[in-house]
Protein backbone atom coordinates (compact mmCIF):
# COMPACT_ATOMS: atom_id res chain seq x y z
CA MET A 1 164.93 10.42 167.82
CA ASP A 2 166.66 13.70 168.60
CA ILE A 3 165.16 15.27 171.74
CA GLN A 4 165.90 18.77 170.40
CA LEU A 5 163.94 18.01 167.24
CA ILE A 6 161.03 16.69 169.31
CA LEU A 7 160.99 19.80 171.50
CA SER A 8 161.18 22.02 168.41
CA PHE A 9 158.31 20.08 166.86
CA LEU A 10 156.26 20.38 170.03
CA GLY A 11 156.85 24.12 170.18
CA ALA A 12 155.88 24.58 166.54
CA SER A 13 152.80 22.38 166.99
CA VAL A 14 151.61 24.38 169.98
CA LEU A 15 152.09 27.70 168.20
CA LEU A 16 150.27 26.48 165.09
CA ALA A 17 147.37 25.12 167.15
CA LEU A 18 147.06 28.44 168.99
CA MET A 19 146.92 30.51 165.81
CA PRO A 20 143.28 31.33 164.96
CA GLY A 21 142.12 29.28 161.99
CA PRO A 22 138.97 27.58 160.69
CA ASP A 23 139.29 24.60 163.06
CA ASN A 24 139.83 26.29 166.41
CA ILE A 25 137.42 29.12 165.54
CA PHE A 26 134.79 26.49 164.74
CA VAL A 27 135.45 24.78 168.08
CA LEU A 28 135.20 28.16 169.83
CA THR A 29 131.92 29.19 168.23
CA GLU A 30 130.34 25.76 168.75
CA SER A 31 131.39 25.80 172.40
CA ILE A 32 129.88 29.25 172.92
CA THR A 33 126.59 28.54 171.17
CA ARG A 34 126.02 24.88 172.07
CA GLY A 35 128.18 24.16 175.09
CA VAL A 36 131.60 22.82 176.05
CA ARG A 37 130.68 19.17 175.37
CA HIS A 38 129.99 20.01 171.73
CA GLY A 39 133.38 21.69 171.43
CA VAL A 40 135.21 18.76 173.01
CA ALA A 41 133.44 16.20 170.78
CA ILE A 42 134.27 18.15 167.61
CA THR A 43 137.85 18.61 168.79
CA THR A 44 138.24 14.87 169.30
CA GLY A 45 137.04 14.26 165.75
CA LEU A 46 139.33 16.91 164.31
CA VAL A 47 142.48 15.58 165.94
CA SER A 48 141.57 11.99 165.04
CA GLY A 49 141.58 13.04 161.41
CA VAL A 50 145.16 14.23 161.84
CA PHE A 51 146.29 10.61 162.24
CA VAL A 52 144.97 9.75 158.77
CA HIS A 53 147.03 12.54 157.20
CA THR A 54 150.06 11.61 159.31
CA ALA A 55 149.90 7.93 158.31
CA ALA A 56 149.53 8.84 154.63
CA ALA A 57 152.41 11.32 154.75
CA ALA A 58 154.63 8.97 156.76
CA THR A 59 154.09 6.02 154.41
CA GLY A 60 154.57 8.02 151.22
CA LEU A 61 157.59 10.01 152.40
CA SER A 62 159.33 6.96 153.82
CA LEU A 63 158.98 5.17 150.48
CA VAL A 64 160.52 8.17 148.74
CA LEU A 65 163.34 8.22 151.31
CA GLN A 66 164.05 4.51 150.82
CA ASN A 67 164.14 4.80 147.02
CA SER A 68 166.01 8.05 146.51
CA ALA A 69 167.75 10.50 148.80
CA VAL A 70 167.62 13.08 145.99
CA ALA A 71 163.86 12.66 145.65
CA PHE A 72 163.48 13.09 149.39
CA GLN A 73 165.46 16.34 149.19
CA LEU A 74 163.13 17.52 146.45
CA VAL A 75 160.16 16.73 148.69
CA LYS A 76 161.75 18.81 151.44
CA TYR A 77 162.29 21.72 149.03
CA PHE A 78 158.67 21.42 147.96
CA GLY A 79 157.74 21.44 151.65
CA ALA A 80 159.73 24.62 152.27
CA ALA A 81 158.16 26.30 149.24
CA TYR A 82 154.68 25.31 150.44
CA LEU A 83 155.36 26.69 153.92
CA PHE A 84 156.50 29.99 152.40
CA TYR A 85 153.32 30.00 150.30
CA LEU A 86 151.26 29.48 153.48
CA ALA A 87 153.17 32.35 155.11
CA ILE A 88 152.26 34.66 152.21
CA GLN A 89 148.63 33.53 152.43
CA ALA A 90 148.63 34.14 156.19
CA TRP A 91 149.99 37.65 155.68
CA ARG A 92 147.38 38.46 153.02
CA GLU A 93 144.55 36.85 154.93
CA GLN A 94 141.77 39.18 155.93
CA ARG A 95 140.33 39.15 159.42
CA MET A 96 138.03 36.16 159.80
CA LYS A 97 134.35 37.07 159.99
CA VAL A 98 132.97 35.38 163.06
CA LYS A 99 129.27 35.48 163.74
CA ILE A 100 128.11 34.00 167.03
CA GLU A 101 124.42 33.48 167.54
CA ALA A 102 122.67 31.90 170.49
CA SER A 103 121.31 28.44 169.80
CA ASP A 104 118.36 26.72 171.40
CA ASP A 105 119.57 23.30 170.25
CA ALA A 106 120.73 21.60 173.42
CA SER A 107 120.90 18.10 171.94
CA PHE A 108 124.20 16.30 172.28
CA ASN A 109 125.23 13.44 170.01
CA PHE A 110 128.91 12.60 170.46
CA GLY A 111 129.07 10.30 167.43
CA LYS A 112 127.58 12.87 165.08
CA LEU A 113 129.78 15.68 166.39
CA TYR A 114 132.88 13.46 166.31
CA SER A 115 132.23 12.47 162.68
CA THR A 116 131.68 16.13 161.77
CA GLY A 117 135.11 17.07 163.11
CA PHE A 118 136.77 13.95 161.69
CA PHE A 119 135.54 14.44 158.12
CA MET A 120 136.19 18.19 158.27
CA ASN A 121 139.84 17.31 158.77
CA VAL A 122 140.23 14.18 156.63
CA LEU A 123 138.53 15.68 153.56
CA ASN A 124 140.70 18.80 153.60
CA PRO A 125 143.55 18.30 151.07
CA LYS A 126 145.40 21.32 152.49
CA VAL A 127 145.99 19.37 155.69
CA SER A 128 147.68 16.55 153.74
CA LEU A 129 149.95 19.02 151.96
CA PHE A 130 150.79 20.69 155.25
CA PHE A 131 151.88 17.45 156.89
CA ILE A 132 153.95 16.48 153.86
CA ALA A 133 155.71 19.84 154.23
CA PHE A 134 155.84 19.88 158.03
CA LEU A 135 156.92 16.41 159.15
CA PRO A 136 160.16 15.77 157.16
CA GLN A 137 162.10 18.58 158.84
CA PHE A 138 161.78 16.86 162.22
CA VAL A 139 162.85 13.38 161.09
CA SER A 140 166.30 12.38 162.27
CA PRO A 141 168.58 10.22 160.08
CA GLN A 142 169.45 8.22 163.19
CA GLY A 143 167.16 6.19 165.38
CA PHE A 144 163.76 4.79 164.52
CA HIS A 145 162.50 4.08 161.02
CA PRO A 146 161.18 7.29 159.36
CA ILE A 147 157.62 5.92 159.38
CA VAL A 148 157.81 5.34 163.14
CA GLN A 149 159.31 8.79 163.72
CA MET A 150 156.60 10.52 161.71
CA LEU A 151 153.83 8.57 163.42
CA ILE A 152 155.25 9.57 166.80
CA LEU A 153 155.38 13.20 165.67
CA GLY A 154 151.80 12.93 164.46
CA LEU A 155 150.69 11.63 167.86
CA ILE A 156 152.53 14.50 169.59
CA PHE A 157 150.74 16.95 167.30
CA MET A 158 147.39 15.29 168.01
CA VAL A 159 147.81 15.40 171.79
CA SER A 160 149.00 19.01 171.85
CA ALA A 161 146.23 20.14 169.48
CA TRP A 162 143.60 18.27 171.50
CA LEU A 163 144.72 19.87 174.77
CA ILE A 164 144.75 23.36 173.24
CA PHE A 165 141.41 22.98 171.47
CA VAL A 166 139.76 21.59 174.60
CA SER A 167 141.18 24.56 176.54
CA ILE A 168 139.61 26.84 173.93
CA ALA A 169 136.28 25.06 174.43
CA LEU A 170 136.52 25.44 178.21
CA LEU A 171 137.49 29.11 177.99
CA ALA A 172 135.12 29.92 175.13
CA GLY A 173 133.19 32.61 177.01
CA ARG A 174 136.32 34.47 178.07
CA LEU A 175 137.90 34.29 174.60
CA THR A 176 134.92 35.76 172.74
CA PRO A 177 135.94 39.45 173.15
CA TYR A 178 139.21 38.77 171.30
CA LEU A 179 137.29 37.78 168.15
CA TYR A 180 136.15 41.40 167.76
CA ASN A 181 139.51 42.98 168.58
CA ASP A 182 141.47 44.29 165.57
CA LYS A 183 144.74 44.35 167.50
CA PHE A 184 144.33 40.64 168.32
CA TRP A 185 143.95 39.73 164.64
CA ASN A 186 146.95 41.86 163.63
CA ILE A 187 149.16 40.20 166.24
CA THR A 188 148.06 36.69 165.25
CA ARG A 189 148.66 37.49 161.57
CA TRP A 190 152.25 38.48 162.36
CA LEU A 191 152.75 35.42 164.55
CA ARG A 192 151.34 32.94 162.06
CA THR A 193 153.36 34.41 159.21
CA GLY A 194 156.53 34.40 161.32
CA VAL A 195 156.08 30.79 162.46
CA LEU A 196 155.57 29.55 158.89
CA VAL A 197 158.57 31.50 157.57
CA VAL A 198 160.82 30.15 160.33
CA LEU A 199 159.65 26.58 159.61
CA GLY A 200 160.33 27.04 155.91
CA VAL A 201 163.83 28.42 156.53
CA PHE A 202 164.56 25.66 159.03
CA LEU A 203 163.53 23.08 156.44
CA LEU A 204 165.83 24.59 153.79
CA LEU A 205 168.81 24.65 156.17
């Protein structure tokens, strides 16, 4: 695998994990209202679900690659188009409404929280589409089999997302003021849109 591609993938993964979205906002609010352990358990479930999408994308895309180089190119063009679509959606997206209320529920059940995060991720078809669009651009023609490369990339994404989401859980109290800051949401909208556009252009080229 190309080390430059891996570093590019890592950078993109970190930026995408940092951008406020349903998953990390959910981790943040749960951590504030119920405690850090709840946030960490949900995070572990969420990133575990990523492996399911990665395995599905890796298997399907590798079969396409083996059968037809032209078909694989079409998949990449679809991926670029989908990333541009996500960029447009990110630009149009309204500020997320976040309501944080104190909770008296101090119970902690790792299995239940883990399964909540896991199924939140696995049952989201948008995540599957994203990985189909995201992974091919970082697969090198040389080196390991495409399935192996994409599984490695998926693991890198999982580890980076887990570290960032756990950091969000640990820093939940300090991050809360940003949720009510209009400037913060405007900056993140620009950043998310820019990251998705760059990924789409990179995939086309």
